[in-house]
Amino acid sequence: MSLESAGDGGLSGASALAGNGELAYVAAGRLYLLGGSAGTLHRVSLPGLASAPGWSPDHRWLAVQVTPPTPASNPFQAEPTVLYVLRANGSGIRPLTPKSWTTQQDAWAPARDELAAVATPPATGTSIPASRLETIDPVTGAVRVLSSAPAITGVAWSPDGRTLAAGVGETRGEPGSNSFHWVGDLETLPASGGQAAIVRSWAGGLLELAGWWPDGSGLLYWPDPQGSASLAADGLPLDSIQPGSSVPRTLVASMLVHGSWIAFAPGGHELAVVSGGNREIWLGGKAMAICGPAASCKPVPQPSGTVSMQPSWSPSGRLTFARGSGSGPFGPNGNADFSPAWVTRWQATQQLWSAAGSGTGQLRIPGTGAGALDPIWAKNATLMFVRDNWLWLLPAGSHSAERVAGPLDDITNTTFYGYVPYPELIAWTAALPEATAGTS
């Protein structure tokens, strides 16, 4: 495993990134580094397909999940996803979780070089293997196991880094029997180890953690009836609860379970969320809603026949989102499918918009163009986004964007009902911090 030159395949406009931090991104399953100690664009050689890159708070380390390619003799064989860490210049690549285990999620502590990870051993027989929630020191590899359960559905650090929250699921009855069901808990655990505190318990299924309110006052989560992946795929309610309270509050009745579809405004007192269900990306009336810790959520107006998603906030507090077609071939009676050609055609209908924190004063963002989606704001008000299979950068105050890196080549026949998880492919050190658990 080594750092390799990206060659002359036209993968980067590196000058556009100058002065705007370091970038790690995944293109066609390969991990690339650009800027900082890595210098010009290079490809990191890994023993499989990369996903979910994430920088440590001091940008010395990059965590990335790696899945070995399936054998040609059995293309449907599930391979374990292993958590790796490497230095910012691409050296020192090594695994942090057992190579036979699958890493479901990982997250850096907010202010120190420590990872939380959820890892699951391979299944044996009909029993459900116990997943582990653990913290890992990337320097020494030392592991502290905080929790073990048949299901751990999301993990997030508290804003002060002292506590971890997790969704924890236990089973009742024998798998496959009529009596089998899930009991879900939301728990908080001291990061240094110790007794867990139960914030909410539910006998109706699993509680999938979405994250903390940025002031640490409460948790966001999705109640998943019966722990059913099929039900969850068409949307779940988003609830909020404060530790010590037995009464949760439902923010939106249904949304798809994507952590990147929850975005906190600067200051952390309001969040934007994509409301609306239906697993088909252009259906279900998906729209922006702005919610506070106590006030009711307010819908952001949008034209008929459109859908809005991918929320982000500028440093000045303007809501940013992508709006695309929800009519014609992408409407309820349309004929669009989820092939790369149709997904590309639908992405071309999207444009980036901004609005005041109240949802009023909506404006298209100059310089981003048709087909722009998945906005990411930097602390200096530079904007990164996806367009035409590339990453683009719009400097603060400019109306002319530059191509930075690509092609991403992530639109495949396995795209989930038109959803392409671009946020899971991009890690940018200049980006404003995320406050959610990062569920895919």
Protein backbone atom coordinates (compact mmCIF):
# COMPACT_ATOMS: atom_id res chain seq x y z
CA MET A 1 0.00 0.00 0.00
CA SER A 2 1.51 3.30 -1.04
CA LEU A 3 0.87 6.77 -2.41
CA GLU A 4 0.87 6.82 -6.19
CA SER A 5 0.84 9.57 -8.79
CA ALA A 6 -2.61 10.08 -10.26
CA GLY A 7 -1.04 10.16 -13.69
CA ASP A 8 -2.23 12.31 -16.57
CA GLY A 9 -5.89 11.25 -16.57
CA GLY A 10 -7.13 14.81 -16.11
CA LEU A 11 -8.24 14.15 -12.56
CA SER A 12 -7.44 17.52 -10.98
CA GLY A 13 -7.38 21.26 -11.36
CA ALA A 14 -5.13 21.52 -8.30
CA SER A 15 -4.51 25.27 -8.52
CA ALA A 16 -8.17 25.92 -7.65
CA LEU A 17 -7.69 24.38 -4.20
CA ALA A 18 -4.66 26.52 -3.30
CA GLY A 19 -5.20 28.17 0.08
CA ASN A 20 -8.42 26.24 0.69
CA GLY A 21 -7.28 23.34 2.84
CA GLU A 22 -6.70 19.68 2.03
CA LEU A 23 -9.06 17.40 0.14
CA ALA A 24 -9.58 13.66 0.32
CA TYR A 25 -12.14 12.14 -2.01
CA VAL A 26 -13.18 8.82 -3.49
CA ALA A 27 -13.57 8.32 -7.25
CA ALA A 28 -14.65 4.95 -8.60
CA GLY A 29 -13.69 3.37 -5.28
CA ARG A 30 -10.17 4.84 -5.24
CA LEU A 31 -8.94 7.31 -2.61
CA TYR A 32 -7.23 10.52 -3.72
CA LEU A 33 -5.46 13.22 -1.71
CA LEU A 34 -4.94 16.80 -2.85
CA GLY A 35 -3.18 19.73 -1.19
CA GLY A 36 -1.34 20.08 2.10
CA SER A 37 1.44 17.60 2.82
CA ALA A 38 0.18 15.33 0.03
CA GLY A 39 0.93 18.09 -2.50
CA THR A 40 -0.47 17.67 -5.98
CA LEU A 41 -3.08 15.01 -6.61
CA HIS A 42 -2.07 11.47 -5.67
CA ARG A 43 -3.89 8.18 -5.42
CA VAL A 44 -3.56 6.12 -2.25
CA SER A 45 -3.10 2.42 -2.90
CA LEU A 46 -5.49 0.48 -0.66
CA PRO A 47 -6.43 -3.23 -0.56
CA GLY A 48 -9.98 -2.65 -1.79
CA LEU A 49 -12.66 -0.07 -2.48
CA ALA A 50 -12.52 3.09 -0.35
CA SER A 51 -15.46 4.92 1.25
CA ALA A 52 -16.28 7.41 4.01
CA PRO A 53 -12.99 9.33 4.32
CA GLY A 54 -12.77 11.58 7.38
CA TRP A 55 -10.08 13.96 8.68
CA SER A 56 -8.99 14.07 12.31
CA PRO A 57 -9.57 17.43 14.04
CA ASP A 58 -5.92 18.49 13.62
CA HIS A 59 -5.82 17.13 10.02
CA ARG A 60 -2.83 14.89 10.80
CA TRP A 61 -4.77 11.69 10.08
CA LEU A 62 -7.35 10.43 7.64
CA ALA A 63 -9.66 7.54 8.46
CA VAL A 64 -11.18 5.58 5.58
CA GLN A 65 -13.25 2.43 5.23
CA VAL A 66 -11.95 -0.22 2.82
CA THR A 67 -13.89 -3.16 1.37
CA PRO A 68 -12.01 -5.88 -0.56
CA PRO A 69 -13.34 -6.55 -4.06
CA THR A 70 -15.71 -9.49 -4.32
CA PRO A 71 -14.22 -12.61 -5.91
CA ALA A 72 -15.02 -13.10 -9.57
CA SER A 73 -16.28 -16.59 -8.77
CA ASN A 74 -18.91 -15.22 -6.36
CA PRO A 75 -19.78 -11.58 -7.16
CA PHE A 76 -22.58 -11.53 -4.55
CA GLN A 77 -20.35 -12.53 -1.65
CA ALA A 78 -20.34 -9.90 1.09
CA GLU A 79 -16.85 -8.79 2.05
CA PRO A 80 -15.95 -7.16 5.40
CA THR A 81 -15.36 -3.40 5.49
CA VAL A 82 -12.22 -2.56 7.49
CA LEU A 83 -11.36 0.79 9.07
CA TYR A 84 -7.92 2.09 8.04
CA VAL A 85 -5.97 5.17 9.06
CA LEU A 86 -3.18 7.00 7.21
CA ARG A 87 -1.19 10.19 7.64
CA ALA A 88 -2.18 13.35 5.79
CA ASN A 89 0.62 12.81 3.25
CA GLY A 90 -0.68 9.30 2.50
CA SER A 91 1.95 7.34 4.40
CA GLY A 92 1.60 5.02 7.38
CA ILE A 93 -1.45 3.11 6.13
CA ARG A 94 -2.67 0.49 8.60
CA PRO A 95 -5.92 -1.20 9.71
CA LEU A 96 -7.57 -0.30 13.00
CA THR A 97 -10.31 -2.94 13.09
CA PRO A 98 -10.02 -6.73 12.56
CA LYS A 99 -9.89 -7.65 8.89
CA SER A 100 -12.72 -10.16 9.24
CA TRP A 101 -15.04 -7.61 10.90
CA THR A 102 -17.23 -5.00 9.20
CA THR A 103 -16.99 -1.36 10.23
CA GLN A 104 -20.48 0.10 10.10
CA GLN A 105 -19.57 3.62 11.13
CA ASP A 106 -16.70 5.71 12.47
CA ALA A 107 -16.40 9.25 13.82
CA TRP A 108 -13.53 11.40 15.08
CA ALA A 109 -13.71 13.03 18.50
CA PRO A 110 -14.37 16.77 18.09
CA ALA A 111 -11.06 18.03 19.49
CA ARG A 112 -8.58 15.16 19.77
CA ASP A 113 -7.15 12.33 17.70
CA GLU A 114 -9.46 9.53 18.81
CA LEU A 115 -11.93 7.52 16.76
CA ALA A 116 -15.22 5.95 17.75
CA ALA A 117 -16.16 2.97 15.61
CA VAL A 118 -18.94 0.42 15.38
CA ALA A 119 -17.63 -2.95 14.20
CA THR A 120 -19.40 -6.28 13.72
CA PRO A 121 -17.84 -9.77 13.57
CA PRO A 122 -18.81 -12.23 10.83
CA ALA A 123 -22.05 -14.10 11.42
CA THR A 124 -21.91 -17.75 12.40
CA GLY A 125 -25.00 -19.91 12.22
CA THR A 126 -28.40 -18.30 12.80
CA SER A 127 -27.46 -16.14 15.78
CA ILE A 128 -27.03 -12.38 15.43
CA PRO A 129 -23.41 -11.44 16.16
CA ALA A 130 -22.80 -8.72 18.76
CA SER A 131 -21.53 -5.42 17.37
CA ARG A 132 -19.00 -3.42 19.38
CA LEU A 133 -18.82 0.30 20.04
CA GLU A 134 -15.20 1.14 20.70
CA THR A 135 -12.78 4.04 20.78
CA ILE A 136 -9.43 3.72 19.03
CA ASP A 137 -6.17 5.66 19.39
CA PRO A 138 -4.84 6.07 15.81
CA VAL A 139 -1.24 6.36 17.03
CA THR A 140 -1.02 3.30 19.29
CA GLY A 141 -4.00 1.36 17.98
CA ALA A 142 -5.22 0.95 21.58
CA VAL A 143 -8.91 -0.03 21.73
CA ARG A 144 -11.44 0.62 24.50
CA VAL A 145 -14.74 -1.30 24.15
CA LEU A 146 -17.63 0.79 25.48
CA SER A 147 -20.62 -1.32 24.51
CA SER A 148 -21.61 -4.58 22.83
CA ALA A 149 -25.05 -5.46 21.47
CA PRO A 150 -26.77 -7.26 18.57
CA ALA A 151 -27.33 -3.86 16.91
CA ILE A 152 -25.64 -0.49 17.33
CA THR A 153 -27.48 1.97 15.13
CA GLY A 154 -25.46 5.15 15.02
CA VAL A 155 -22.80 6.74 17.20
CA ALA A 156 -21.94 10.40 17.79
CA TRP A 157 -19.60 12.36 20.06
CA SER A 158 -21.04 15.02 22.31
CA PRO A 159 -19.89 18.54 21.38
CA ASP A 160 -17.44 18.59 24.31
CA GLY A 161 -16.01 15.17 23.39
CA ARG A 162 -16.60 13.68 26.83
CA THR A 163 -19.59 11.49 26.00
CA LEU A 164 -20.71 9.21 23.20
CA ALA A 165 -24.32 8.63 22.26
CA ALA A 166 -25.42 5.45 20.50
CA GLY A 167 -28.51 3.66 19.35
CA VAL A 168 -28.40 0.17 20.88
CA GLY A 169 -30.70 -2.71 19.94
CA GLU A 170 -31.36 -5.92 21.86
CA THR A 171 -33.44 -8.87 20.67
CA ARG A 172 -36.33 -10.65 22.31
CA GLY A 173 -37.39 -14.12 21.22
CA GLU A 174 -35.70 -16.45 18.76
CA PRO A 175 -34.77 -15.10 15.29
CA GLY A 176 -37.34 -16.30 12.76
CA SER A 177 -40.01 -16.98 15.38
CA ASN A 178 -43.26 -15.03 15.81
CA SER A 179 -42.05 -13.79 19.18
CA PHE A 180 -38.87 -12.20 17.80
CA HIS A 181 -38.66 -8.41 18.03
CA TRP A 182 -36.20 -5.59 18.66
CA VAL A 183 -36.03 -3.36 21.72
CA GLY A 184 -34.19 -0.12 21.00
CA ASP A 185 -32.40 2.19 23.43
CA LEU A 186 -30.73 5.55 23.07
CA GLU A 187 -27.74 5.57 25.39
CA THR A 188 -25.03 7.97 26.46
CA LEU A 189 -21.68 6.56 27.55
CA PRO A 190 -18.61 8.23 29.10
CA ALA A 191 -15.86 8.26 26.45
CA SER A 192 -13.39 7.11 29.13
CA GLY A 193 -15.53 4.05 29.86
CA GLY A 194 -18.19 3.38 32.45
CA GLN A 195 -21.90 2.84 32.95
CA ALA A 196 -24.29 3.78 30.14
CA ALA A 197 -27.30 6.00 30.81
CA ILE A 198 -30.52 5.22 28.93
CA VAL A 199 -32.11 8.34 27.43
CA ARG A 200 -35.00 6.56 25.70
CA SER A 201 -36.16 2.96 25.47
CA TRP A 202 -38.67 1.64 22.93
CA ALA A 203 -40.10 -1.86 22.56
CA GLY A 204 -41.41 -1.13 19.06
CA GLY A 205 -38.14 -1.47 17.14
CA LEU A 206 -34.76 0.21 16.79
CA LEU A 207 -33.82 3.81 17.52
CA GLU A 208 -31.32 5.00 14.92
CA LEU A 209 -29.19 7.85 16.24
CA ALA A 210 -28.88 10.92 14.01
CA GLY A 211 -26.74 13.05 16.32
CA TRP A 212 -26.59 15.66 19.10
CA TRP A 213 -27.95 19.16 19.19
CA PRO A 214 -24.78 21.27 18.93
CA ASP A 215 -25.15 22.60 22.49
CA GLY A 216 -25.37 19.04 23.85
CA SER A 217 -28.92 19.59 25.12
CA GLY A 218 -30.52 16.64 23.34
CA LEU A 219 -30.38 13.88 20.76
CA LEU A 220 -31.91 13.45 17.31
CA TYR A 221 -32.96 9.99 16.17
CA TRP A 222 -35.15 7.99 13.80
CA PRO A 223 -37.59 5.42 15.33
CA ASP A 224 -37.44 2.36 13.07
CA PRO A 225 -40.53 0.15 13.60
CA GLN A 226 -39.61 -3.53 13.86
CA GLY A 227 -36.04 -2.65 12.90
CA SER A 228 -37.15 -3.05 9.29
CA ALA A 229 -34.69 -1.90 6.62
CA SER A 230 -37.51 -2.05 4.06
CA LEU A 231 -39.74 0.29 6.07
CA ALA A 232 -36.82 2.62 6.80
CA ALA A 233 -35.96 2.87 3.08
CA ASP A 234 -39.20 4.79 2.47
CA GLY A 235 -38.60 7.24 5.30
CA LEU A 236 -38.84 7.46 9.09
CA PRO A 237 -39.89 10.21 11.50
CA LEU A 238 -37.13 12.41 12.92
CA ASP A 239 -37.51 12.81 16.69
CA SER A 240 -35.70 14.90 19.30
CA ILE A 241 -35.36 14.16 23.02
CA GLN A 242 -33.56 15.74 25.95
CA PRO A 243 -31.76 13.57 28.51
CA GLY A 244 -33.97 13.28 31.56
CA SER A 245 -37.15 13.73 29.54
CA SER A 246 -39.52 10.87 28.81
CA VAL A 247 -41.38 12.73 26.07
CA PRO A 248 -39.80 12.91 22.60
CA ARG A 249 -40.78 15.53 20.03
CA THR A 250 -41.35 14.65 16.38
CA LEU A 251 -39.73 17.22 14.10
CA VAL A 252 -40.82 15.81 10.72
CA ALA A 253 -43.22 12.95 10.08
CA SER A 254 -41.01 11.29 7.47
CA MET A 255 -37.58 11.69 5.90
CA LEU A 256 -35.02 9.40 4.30
CA VAL A 257 -32.36 8.25 6.74
CA HIS A 258 -29.40 10.27 5.46
CA GLY A 259 -27.26 12.08 8.01
CA SER A 260 -26.20 14.61 5.37
CA TRP A 261 -29.86 15.66 5.05
CA ILE A 262 -29.71 17.24 8.51
CA ALA A 263 -27.70 20.48 8.77
CA PHE A 264 -27.33 22.85 11.71
CA ALA A 265 -27.23 26.60 11.24
CA PRO A 266 -24.23 28.52 12.61
CA GLY A 267 -24.80 28.81 16.33
CA GLY A 268 -26.60 25.46 16.42
CA HIS A 269 -30.04 26.75 17.42
CA GLU A 270 -31.82 25.76 14.19
CA LEU A 271 -31.50 22.87 11.79
CA ALA A 272 -32.55 22.29 8.21
CA VAL A 273 -33.89 18.87 7.36
CA VAL A 274 -35.23 17.25 4.19
CA SER A 275 -38.82 16.22 4.92
CA GLY A 276 -40.76 13.80 2.74
CA GLY A 277 -40.48 10.06 2.23
CA ASN A 278 -40.43 7.61 -0.72
CA ARG A 279 -37.13 5.90 -1.50
CA GLU A 280 -37.25 7.16 -5.13
CA ILE A 281 -35.11 10.27 -4.96
CA TRP A 282 -37.31 12.53 -7.10
CA LEU A 283 -40.64 11.53 -5.49
CA GLY A 284 -42.26 11.93 -2.09
CA GLY A 285 -42.52 15.72 -2.04
CA LYS A 286 -39.05 16.18 -0.55
CA ALA A 287 -38.68 19.72 0.74
CA MET A 288 -36.70 21.80 3.21
CA ALA A 289 -37.98 22.35 6.74
CA ILE A 290 -36.33 24.53 9.39
CA CYS A 291 -36.67 23.36 12.99
CA GLY A 292 -35.68 24.74 16.37
CA PRO A 293 -35.11 22.94 19.67
CA ALA A 294 -38.62 23.87 20.86
CA ALA A 295 -40.49 25.65 18.07
CA SER A 296 -42.44 23.83 15.36
CA CYS A 297 -40.71 23.14 12.06
CA LYS A 298 -41.41 25.62 9.26
CA PRO A 299 -41.58 24.40 5.64
CA VAL A 300 -39.46 26.29 3.11
CA PRO A 301 -41.66 27.20 0.12
CA GLN A 302 -40.83 25.58 -3.20
CA PRO A 303 -42.43 25.58 -6.66
CA SER A 304 -44.84 22.83 -7.59
CA GLY A 305 -43.22 19.94 -9.44
CA THR A 306 -39.84 20.28 -7.72
CA VAL A 307 -37.98 18.60 -4.84
CA SER A 308 -35.36 20.14 -2.55
CA MET A 309 -32.59 18.35 -0.64
CA GLN A 310 -28.91 18.40 0.39
CA PRO A 311 -29.07 21.22 2.97
CA SER A 312 -26.04 23.22 4.07
CA TRP A 313 -25.49 26.62 5.75
CA SER A 314 -23.13 29.39 4.78
CA PRO A 315 -20.95 30.95 7.50
CA SER A 316 -23.24 34.01 7.40
CA GLY A 317 -26.28 31.84 8.19
CA ARG A 318 -27.96 31.46 4.79
CA LEU A 319 -29.57 28.10 4.09
CA THR A 320 -28.24 26.44 0.93
CA PHE A 321 -29.84 23.50 -0.86
CA ALA A 322 -30.24 21.80 -4.23
CA ARG A 323 -33.59 21.93 -6.03
CA GLY A 324 -34.41 19.60 -8.91
CA SER A 325 -37.28 18.25 -10.97
CA GLY A 326 -40.10 16.26 -9.46
CA SER A 327 -42.28 16.30 -12.56
CA GLY A 328 -42.34 15.04 -16.15
CA PRO A 329 -40.32 11.83 -16.40
CA PHE A 330 -39.40 12.31 -12.70
CA GLY A 331 -42.98 12.81 -11.56
CA PRO A 332 -45.41 10.28 -10.05
CA ASN A 333 -46.39 8.96 -13.48
CA GLY A 334 -42.97 9.40 -15.11
CA ASN A 335 -40.91 6.74 -16.82
CA ALA A 336 -37.47 7.52 -15.34
CA ASP A 337 -35.53 4.60 -13.93
CA PHE A 338 -32.31 4.47 -11.91
CA SER A 339 -29.83 3.76 -14.66
CA PRO A 340 -26.75 6.02 -14.88
CA ALA A 341 -28.26 7.81 -17.91
CA TRP A 342 -31.46 8.74 -16.10
CA VAL A 343 -29.68 9.72 -12.86
CA THR A 344 -27.33 11.95 -14.85
CA ARG A 345 -30.31 13.52 -16.62
CA TRP A 346 -32.05 14.19 -13.31
CA GLN A 347 -28.93 15.69 -11.74
CA ALA A 348 -28.77 18.11 -14.67
CA THR A 349 -32.14 19.56 -13.53
CA GLN A 350 -30.72 20.61 -10.16
CA GLN A 351 -29.48 24.03 -9.17
CA LEU A 352 -28.14 25.46 -5.91
CA TRP A 353 -30.30 27.95 -4.05
CA SER A 354 -29.87 29.97 -0.89
CA ALA A 355 -32.41 31.49 1.47
CA ALA A 356 -32.55 33.45 4.68
CA GLY A 357 -32.78 31.43 7.88
CA SER A 358 -36.55 31.84 7.73
CA GLY A 359 -36.66 30.28 4.25
CA THR A 360 -37.53 33.61 2.60
CA GLY A 361 -35.54 35.59 0.04
CA GLN A 362 -34.62 32.59 -2.10
CA LEU A 363 -31.91 33.17 -4.71
CA ARG A 364 -29.98 30.96 -7.10
CA ILE A 365 -26.30 30.97 -6.23
CA PRO A 366 -24.43 32.71 -9.06
CA GLY A 367 -21.55 30.84 -10.60
CA THR A 368 -22.68 27.32 -9.71
CA GLY A 369 -24.69 26.60 -12.89
CA ALA A 370 -27.18 23.94 -13.90
CA GLY A 371 -26.54 20.47 -12.49
CA ALA A 372 -24.96 21.73 -9.24
CA LEU A 373 -25.70 19.72 -6.09
CA ASP A 374 -24.39 18.74 -2.63
CA PRO A 375 -23.04 22.10 -1.41
CA ILE A 376 -20.26 22.18 1.22
CA TRP A 377 -19.31 25.52 2.78
CA ALA A 378 -15.85 26.37 4.07
CA LYS A 379 -15.17 28.55 7.07
CA ASN A 380 -13.93 31.31 4.72
CA ALA A 381 -17.20 31.26 2.69
CA THR A 382 -15.72 29.30 -0.21
CA LEU A 383 -18.24 26.82 -1.63
CA MET A 384 -17.50 23.30 -2.88
CA PHE A 385 -20.13 21.38 -4.83
CA VAL A 386 -20.65 18.53 -7.30
CA ARG A 387 -21.47 19.18 -10.95
CA ASP A 388 -21.11 17.07 -14.09
CA ASN A 389 -19.36 14.27 -12.16
CA TRP A 390 -16.68 16.66 -10.81
CA LEU A 391 -15.95 18.61 -7.66
CA TRP A 392 -16.02 22.38 -8.17
CA LEU A 393 -14.91 25.30 -6.02
CA LEU A 394 -16.50 28.77 -5.91
CA PRO A 395 -14.23 31.20 -4.02
CA ALA A 396 -15.81 33.67 -1.61
CA GLY A 397 -17.16 36.68 -3.48
CA SER A 398 -16.62 35.09 -6.92
CA HIS A 399 -19.21 34.28 -9.58
CA SER A 400 -16.87 31.90 -11.43
CA ALA A 401 -16.36 28.34 -10.19
CA GLU A 402 -13.33 26.17 -11.03
CA ARG A 403 -13.11 22.42 -11.42
CA VAL A 404 -11.05 20.92 -8.62
CA ALA A 405 -11.13 17.14 -8.88
CA GLY A 406 -12.81 14.30 -10.70
CA PRO A 407 -14.36 12.54 -12.43
CA LEU A 408 -16.04 10.93 -9.44
CA ASP A 409 -17.57 8.08 -11.49
CA ASP A 410 -19.95 7.04 -8.72
CA ILE A 411 -23.18 6.75 -10.73
CA THR A 412 -23.55 3.03 -11.30
CA ASN A 413 -26.30 0.50 -11.79
CA THR A 414 -26.24 -0.10 -8.03
CA THR A 415 -27.38 3.47 -7.25
CA PHE A 416 -30.09 3.24 -4.57
CA TYR A 417 -33.27 4.51 -6.26
CA GLY A 418 -31.38 7.45 -7.74
CA TYR A 419 -29.59 8.52 -4.54
CA VAL A 420 -25.84 9.04 -4.99
CA PRO A 421 -24.05 9.44 -1.63
CA TYR A 422 -21.61 12.17 -2.65
CA PRO A 423 -21.15 13.43 0.96
CA GLU A 424 -19.71 10.02 1.84
CA LEU A 425 -17.03 10.46 -0.84
CA ILE A 426 -15.66 13.85 0.24
CA ALA A 427 -13.56 15.01 3.22
CA TRP A 428 -12.39 18.62 3.16
CA THR A 429 -10.39 20.18 5.97
CA ALA A 430 -11.72 23.68 5.26
CA ALA A 431 -15.36 22.64 5.57
CA LEU A 432 -17.59 23.91 8.35
CA PRO A 433 -17.92 21.20 11.04
CA GLU A 434 -20.71 18.67 10.85
CA ALA A 435 -22.84 18.08 13.94
CA THR A 436 -24.70 14.89 12.99
CA ALA A 437 -23.78 11.25 13.28
CA GLY A 438 -23.12 10.86 9.57
CA THR A 439 -25.49 8.00 8.86
CA SER A 440 -25.43 7.17 5.16
